[in-house]
Amino acid sequence: MTASVAGFWATAAAFDERIAVVVTARDLPEGHVLSAADLASAEVLLEDVPHIVWTPTATDALVGLAVEHALPAGSLVGAHALIEPSIGAFGDALEVVVPLNTSLSPSGVYEGDVVLLVDPGVAPSHERAGRPRSVIRSLELVAFDGSAMRLFVPPAEWVWWRALPAELGAPPMVLPVPLGGDAAALAADLDKLWAASYEQDAAALQPFGAGWREHAAPGELEVLTPLDLSLAPSGIAEGDLALLIDPGAPQGSAGGGRPRSVLRAVRLEHYEDGVLGIWAQPAEWVWWKSLPQRLGAAPMVLRVPEGTDTDATARSLDEEWQQAWEQS
């Protein structure tokens, strides 16, 4: 009896043709483009069921292919279930290749990583407000070749992905979420950090402090005009009465040159470190905004004592500068 039992198990073992095959590691929807994280190995008994034998390089050959129909976790992966994505869309899905900036992760970003998709933002400047860097969403990298993702998505999402780089003004950035990390909490912390950094950068551009914008009346626009202080060796301070002066151009210059002349009298209500701040209605704003370009240089400024007849002083200076220019 003992010999019979031993013989049965020896015979059964000889015919147990279990082999390692490729199976799905999780549920995959129709049209899903395979990544290494989607595939696993399993030991199974097979007859004529289509399958792909597991090898150390099997997943490398399958990554980038798409599943022709939905596959539950543990399904055998075979040629019958796969299709080349470039053949076309699946149902209403469309193909889009999204370039990604990986500079936030010097250690690298890889296929299957859960990452935060990040708007790189735009640095503030005197010409534009800009916007802070911020997290757009979290996602898993699929069909990622190190610089771009290849996605098959419904039309509405396709439009969003296609427009994203142009809308941001640069490729979106990606930042890996640590294994077991909370993507939502990390995104919230980063958004706070980036918003604070942006506010600091914006404040550094604003020489008049946080309350500067409170001086704007409805419809007024901001202009910051650099001033040439060479006619004010003793210095200028906020609140001073001054003459704004065209520095002129020597004879022989483009357009024949022109003498130095007084443009107007100004009260330096908002002045700091060589910059005059102005809030003006659109027509006046255009005059101030284009002034350095029209003059070919920063306007000069000459401080005058309180109570000065600025019109008479301007006429006198204009006559003197006209004569000097003609003599030169």
Protein backbone atom coordinates (compact mmCIF):
# COMPACT_ATOMS: atom_id res chain seq x y z
CA MET A 1 0.00 0.00 0.00
CA THR A 2 2.84 2.31 0.91
CA ALA A 3 4.58 1.53 -2.38
CA SER A 4 1.37 2.26 -4.31
CA VAL A 5 0.95 5.70 -2.72
CA ALA A 6 4.60 6.57 -3.34
CA GLY A 7 4.27 5.46 -6.94
CA PHE A 8 1.14 7.61 -7.45
CA TRP A 9 2.86 10.80 -6.22
CA ALA A 10 5.99 10.08 -8.27
CA THR A 11 3.87 9.63 -11.38
CA ALA A 12 1.82 12.80 -10.68
CA ALA A 13 4.97 14.86 -10.13
CA ALA A 14 6.37 13.67 -13.44
CA PHE A 15 3.30 14.99 -15.27
CA ASP A 16 2.98 18.30 -13.25
CA GLU A 17 3.95 20.75 -15.99
CA ARG A 18 3.83 23.97 -13.96
CA ILE A 19 5.76 26.78 -15.62
CA ALA A 20 6.33 30.45 -14.90
CA VAL A 21 4.16 32.69 -17.08
CA VAL A 22 3.34 36.38 -17.36
CA VAL A 23 0.11 37.48 -15.63
CA THR A 24 -1.51 40.82 -14.86
CA ALA A 25 -0.57 42.24 -11.46
CA ARG A 26 -3.88 44.14 -11.17
CA ASP A 27 -7.11 44.87 -13.01
CA LEU A 28 -6.38 46.53 -16.36
CA PRO A 29 -9.04 48.45 -18.34
CA GLU A 30 -9.48 48.20 -22.08
CA GLY A 31 -6.83 50.15 -23.94
CA HIS A 32 -4.48 50.39 -20.94
CA VAL A 33 -0.83 50.79 -22.02
CA LEU A 34 1.33 48.33 -20.11
CA SER A 35 4.03 49.36 -17.67
CA ALA A 36 6.39 47.08 -15.76
CA ALA A 37 4.26 47.51 -12.63
CA ASP A 38 1.24 46.00 -14.47
CA LEU A 39 2.92 42.59 -14.92
CA ALA A 40 3.91 39.75 -12.61
CA SER A 41 4.86 36.05 -12.81
CA ALA A 42 2.92 33.01 -11.64
CA GLU A 43 3.47 29.23 -11.65
CA VAL A 44 0.52 27.56 -13.41
CA LEU A 45 -0.53 24.33 -15.13
CA LEU A 46 -1.12 24.92 -18.82
CA GLU A 47 -2.56 23.02 -21.73
CA ASP A 48 -3.41 24.93 -24.90
CA VAL A 49 -4.19 28.25 -23.17
CA PRO A 50 -2.39 31.17 -24.91
CA HIS A 51 0.32 32.57 -22.66
CA ILE A 52 3.75 34.19 -22.54
CA VAL A 53 6.52 32.42 -20.66
CA TRP A 54 8.07 34.44 -17.85
CA THR A 55 11.70 35.44 -18.29
CA PRO A 56 13.75 38.21 -16.65
CA THR A 57 13.29 40.30 -19.82
CA ALA A 58 9.66 39.42 -20.59
CA THR A 59 8.23 42.63 -19.13
CA ASP A 60 10.71 44.79 -21.09
CA ALA A 61 9.32 43.40 -24.33
CA LEU A 62 5.70 44.01 -23.29
CA VAL A 63 5.94 47.52 -21.84
CA GLY A 64 4.29 50.01 -24.20
CA LEU A 65 1.82 47.53 -25.67
CA ALA A 66 -1.86 47.94 -24.84
CA VAL A 67 -4.50 45.46 -23.73
CA GLU A 68 -7.19 44.92 -26.33
CA HIS A 69 -9.87 44.20 -23.73
CA ALA A 70 -10.19 44.50 -19.97
CA LEU A 71 -8.14 41.96 -17.97
CA PRO A 72 -8.74 41.18 -14.29
CA ALA A 73 -5.76 40.74 -11.95
CA GLY A 74 -4.04 37.38 -12.41
CA SER A 75 -5.07 36.96 -16.05
CA LEU A 76 -2.68 35.20 -18.39
CA VAL A 77 -0.98 37.63 -20.76
CA GLY A 78 -0.73 36.43 -24.33
CA ALA A 79 -0.50 37.79 -27.83
CA HIS A 80 -4.27 37.38 -28.17
CA ALA A 81 -4.80 40.09 -25.50
CA LEU A 82 -2.28 42.66 -26.72
CA ILE A 83 -2.19 45.21 -29.50
CA GLU A 84 0.26 47.86 -30.69
CA PRO A 85 -1.01 51.29 -29.48
CA SER A 86 0.09 52.99 -32.68
CA ILE A 87 -2.56 50.98 -34.54
CA GLY A 88 -5.04 53.49 -33.24
CA ALA A 89 -7.41 54.43 -30.47
CA PHE A 90 -9.46 52.05 -28.37
CA GLY A 91 -13.10 53.06 -28.55
CA ASP A 92 -13.10 56.81 -27.94
CA ALA A 93 -9.48 56.92 -26.65
CA LEU A 94 -6.91 59.11 -28.41
CA GLU A 95 -3.13 59.05 -28.25
CA VAL A 96 -1.15 61.91 -26.73
CA VAL A 97 2.57 62.19 -25.94
CA VAL A 98 3.22 64.45 -22.95
CA PRO A 99 6.78 65.82 -22.41
CA LEU A 100 7.81 65.90 -18.75
CA ASN A 101 10.47 67.87 -16.87
CA THR A 102 12.21 65.61 -14.30
CA SER A 103 14.57 68.25 -12.86
CA LEU A 104 12.83 68.14 -9.46
CA SER A 105 14.12 64.59 -8.98
CA PRO A 106 17.90 64.40 -9.53
CA SER A 107 17.83 60.73 -8.46
CA GLY A 108 15.58 59.91 -11.40
CA VAL A 109 11.93 59.15 -12.20
CA TYR A 110 10.87 55.73 -13.44
CA GLU A 111 8.03 53.83 -15.07
CA GLY A 112 5.40 52.92 -12.49
CA ASP A 113 6.34 55.70 -10.04
CA VAL A 114 3.50 57.62 -8.39
CA VAL A 115 4.34 61.28 -8.98
CA LEU A 116 2.97 64.76 -8.50
CA LEU A 117 2.40 66.61 -11.76
CA VAL A 118 3.63 70.16 -11.15
CA ASP A 119 2.97 73.50 -12.85
CA PRO A 120 6.49 75.01 -13.04
CA GLY A 121 5.03 78.48 -12.52
CA VAL A 122 6.33 81.79 -13.86
CA ALA A 123 8.71 84.00 -11.90
CA PRO A 124 7.33 87.47 -11.10
CA SER A 125 8.92 90.46 -12.83
CA HIS A 126 8.26 94.14 -13.40
CA GLU A 127 6.64 93.23 -16.72
CA ARG A 128 4.33 90.42 -15.51
CA ALA A 129 2.76 89.14 -12.33
CA GLY A 130 3.74 85.51 -12.93
CA ARG A 131 2.38 82.66 -10.82
CA PRO A 132 3.76 80.36 -8.13
CA ARG A 133 4.79 76.76 -8.80
CA SER A 134 1.94 74.43 -7.79
CA VAL A 135 0.78 70.80 -7.87
CA ILE A 136 -1.73 70.00 -10.61
CA ARG A 137 -2.55 66.39 -9.69
CA SER A 138 -1.01 63.05 -8.76
CA LEU A 139 -0.70 60.16 -11.21
CA GLU A 140 1.22 56.99 -11.97
CA LEU A 141 3.78 57.17 -14.75
CA VAL A 142 2.80 54.83 -17.57
CA ALA A 143 4.51 54.27 -20.92
CA PHE A 144 7.25 56.63 -19.68
CA ASP A 145 10.53 56.68 -21.65
CA GLY A 146 12.44 59.01 -19.33
CA SER A 147 11.32 62.26 -20.94
CA ALA A 148 7.67 61.81 -21.98
CA MET A 149 4.52 59.78 -21.31
CA ARG A 150 2.48 58.11 -24.04
CA LEU A 151 -1.19 58.08 -23.05
CA PHE A 152 -4.45 56.85 -24.57
CA VAL A 153 -7.27 58.89 -23.08
CA PRO A 154 -10.86 60.02 -23.85
CA PRO A 155 -11.23 63.10 -26.08
CA ALA A 156 -11.89 65.59 -23.27
CA GLU A 157 -8.82 64.45 -21.35
CA TRP A 158 -6.83 64.34 -24.60
CA VAL A 159 -7.59 68.03 -25.18
CA TRP A 160 -6.45 68.83 -21.62
CA TRP A 161 -3.16 66.95 -21.97
CA ARG A 162 -2.45 68.37 -25.43
CA ALA A 163 -2.99 71.96 -24.27
CA LEU A 164 -1.13 71.61 -20.97
CA PRO A 165 2.47 72.46 -22.03
CA ALA A 166 1.32 75.54 -23.98
CA GLU A 167 -0.92 76.66 -21.13
CA LEU A 168 1.93 76.35 -18.63
CA GLY A 169 4.49 77.86 -21.00
CA ALA A 170 6.78 74.86 -20.41
CA PRO A 171 6.55 71.06 -19.97
CA PRO A 172 4.94 70.07 -16.66
CA MET A 173 7.34 68.91 -13.95
CA VAL A 174 7.11 65.61 -12.04
CA LEU A 175 8.12 64.84 -8.47
CA PRO A 176 8.00 61.23 -7.16
CA VAL A 177 5.88 60.55 -4.08
CA PRO A 178 7.88 58.52 -1.52
CA LEU A 179 6.80 54.89 -1.15
CA GLY A 180 3.86 54.85 1.24
CA GLY A 181 3.67 58.65 1.21
CA ASP A 182 0.46 60.70 1.23
CA ALA A 183 0.32 62.43 -2.16
CA ALA A 184 -2.42 64.87 -1.10
CA ALA A 185 -0.59 65.96 2.06
CA LEU A 186 2.69 66.34 0.18
CA ALA A 187 0.95 68.43 -2.49
CA ALA A 188 -0.60 70.72 0.13
CA ASP A 189 2.75 71.25 1.88
CA LEU A 190 4.56 71.98 -1.37
CA ASP A 191 1.88 74.43 -2.54
CA LYS A 192 2.26 76.40 0.71
CA LEU A 193 6.03 76.42 0.40
CA TRP A 194 6.00 77.48 -3.24
CA ALA A 195 3.34 80.16 -2.64
CA ALA A 196 5.42 81.68 0.18
CA SER A 197 8.55 81.64 -1.98
CA TYR A 198 6.65 83.35 -4.81
CA GLU A 199 5.34 86.05 -2.48
CA GLN A 200 8.90 86.71 -1.30
CA ASP A 201 10.13 87.05 -4.87
CA ALA A 202 7.24 89.35 -5.77
CA ALA A 203 7.83 91.51 -2.68
CA ALA A 204 11.53 91.83 -3.55
CA LEU A 205 10.50 93.37 -6.89
CA GLN A 206 8.25 95.88 -5.18
CA PRO A 207 10.31 98.73 -3.66
CA PHE A 208 7.30 100.40 -2.05
CA GLY A 209 6.13 97.67 0.30
CA ALA A 210 2.99 95.59 0.58
CA GLY A 211 0.69 98.63 0.86
CA TRP A 212 1.76 100.04 -2.51
CA ARG A 213 -1.18 98.56 -4.40
CA GLU A 214 -3.63 100.22 -2.02
CA HIS A 215 -2.78 103.57 -3.64
CA ALA A 216 -4.34 102.54 -6.96
CA ALA A 217 -7.64 104.18 -7.88
CA PRO A 218 -10.18 102.28 -10.04
CA GLY A 219 -8.89 101.87 -13.58
CA GLU A 220 -5.32 102.94 -12.79
CA LEU A 221 -2.30 100.93 -13.93
CA GLU A 222 1.13 100.57 -12.35
CA VAL A 223 4.38 101.79 -13.89
CA LEU A 224 7.83 101.81 -12.27
CA THR A 225 10.19 104.31 -13.92
CA PRO A 226 13.96 104.25 -13.27
CA LEU A 227 15.48 107.72 -12.83
CA ASP A 228 18.91 109.12 -13.66
CA LEU A 229 20.13 110.92 -10.49
CA SER A 230 23.24 112.53 -11.99
CA LEU A 231 21.69 116.03 -11.65
CA ALA A 232 21.00 115.43 -7.97
CA PRO A 233 24.40 114.87 -6.32
CA SER A 234 22.97 115.65 -2.89
CA GLY A 235 20.35 112.96 -3.33
CA ILE A 236 16.61 112.75 -3.69
CA ALA A 237 13.99 111.53 -1.23
CA GLU A 238 10.37 110.49 -1.37
CA GLY A 239 8.10 113.53 -1.25
CA ASP A 240 10.57 115.90 -2.96
CA LEU A 241 9.45 118.33 -5.67
CA ALA A 242 11.50 117.72 -8.81
CA LEU A 243 11.75 118.45 -12.52
CA LEU A 244 11.67 115.43 -14.82
CA ILE A 245 14.18 116.00 -17.61
CA ASP A 246 14.79 114.62 -21.08
CA PRO A 247 18.59 113.98 -21.12
CA GLY A 248 18.68 114.94 -24.80
CA ALA A 249 20.96 113.56 -27.52
CA PRO A 250 24.06 115.12 -29.10
CA GLN A 251 24.02 116.49 -32.62
CA GLY A 252 24.81 113.81 -35.15
CA SER A 253 22.73 111.26 -33.27
CA ALA A 254 19.82 109.47 -34.95
CA GLY A 255 17.19 112.05 -35.83
CA GLY A 256 19.68 114.91 -35.59
CA GLY A 257 19.89 114.89 -31.80
CA ARG A 258 18.07 117.21 -29.40
CA PRO A 259 18.91 119.47 -26.45
CA ARG A 260 18.27 118.55 -22.85
CA SER A 261 14.84 119.85 -21.75
CA VAL A 262 12.34 119.79 -18.90
CA LEU A 263 9.44 117.41 -19.43
CA ARG A 264 7.32 118.30 -16.41
CA ALA A 265 7.36 118.95 -12.69
CA VAL A 266 6.64 115.92 -10.49
CA ARG A 267 6.08 115.25 -6.82
CA LEU A 268 7.97 112.09 -5.87
CA GLU A 269 5.12 110.60 -3.87
CA HIS A 270 6.38 107.02 -4.33
CA TYR A 271 10.13 106.90 -4.73
CA GLU A 272 12.74 104.41 -3.58
CA ASP A 273 16.31 103.62 -4.67
CA GLY A 274 16.19 105.38 -8.03
CA VAL A 275 12.72 104.13 -8.99
CA LEU A 276 9.62 106.32 -9.27
CA GLY A 277 6.29 104.54 -8.80
CA ILE A 278 3.24 105.86 -10.63
CA TRP A 279 -0.43 104.84 -10.68
CA ALA A 280 -2.03 106.32 -13.79
CA GLN A 281 -5.06 106.05 -16.05
CA PRO A 282 -4.35 104.18 -19.34
CA ALA A 283 -3.41 107.21 -21.50
CA GLU A 284 -1.07 108.60 -18.83
CA TRP A 285 0.25 105.11 -18.13
CA VAL A 286 1.28 104.72 -21.79
CA TRP A 287 3.22 108.02 -21.58
CA TRP A 288 5.15 106.90 -18.50
CA LYS A 289 5.64 103.32 -19.66
CA SER A 290 7.13 104.35 -23.02
CA LEU A 291 9.21 107.24 -21.65
CA PRO A 292 12.65 105.52 -21.28
CA GLN A 293 12.32 104.01 -24.77
CA ARG A 294 11.30 107.33 -26.35
CA LEU A 295 14.17 109.18 -24.66
CA GLY A 296 16.69 106.44 -25.34
CA ALA A 297 17.70 106.56 -21.67
CA ALA A 298 16.26 106.90 -18.20
CA PRO A 299 14.77 110.37 -17.57
CA MET A 300 16.87 112.63 -15.36
CA VAL A 301 15.52 114.26 -12.23
CA LEU A 302 16.44 117.62 -10.67
CA ARG A 303 15.29 118.43 -7.16
CA VAL A 304 13.94 121.97 -6.65
CA PRO A 305 13.10 123.76 -3.38
CA GLU A 306 9.53 123.96 -2.15
CA GLY A 307 7.72 127.05 -3.46
CA THR A 308 9.78 127.14 -6.68
CA ASP A 309 8.00 128.46 -9.74
CA THR A 310 8.55 125.28 -11.72
CA ASP A 311 7.26 126.73 -15.01
CA ALA A 312 9.68 129.66 -14.90
CA THR A 313 12.54 127.41 -13.83
CA ALA A 314 11.77 125.03 -16.67
CA ARG A 315 11.79 127.86 -19.26
CA SER A 316 15.09 129.18 -17.96
CA LEU A 317 16.73 125.76 -18.01
CA ASP A 318 15.39 124.96 -21.47
CA GLU A 319 16.88 128.21 -22.88
CA GLU A 320 20.25 127.49 -21.25
CA TRP A 321 20.36 123.90 -22.50
CA GLN A 322 19.23 124.94 -25.98
CA GLN A 323 22.09 127.44 -26.25
CA ALA A 324 24.62 124.93 -24.95
CA TRP A 325 23.43 122.31 -27.43
CA GLU A 326 23.62 124.74 -30.36
CA GLN A 327 27.12 125.83 -29.37
CA SER A 328 28.27 122.25 -29.11
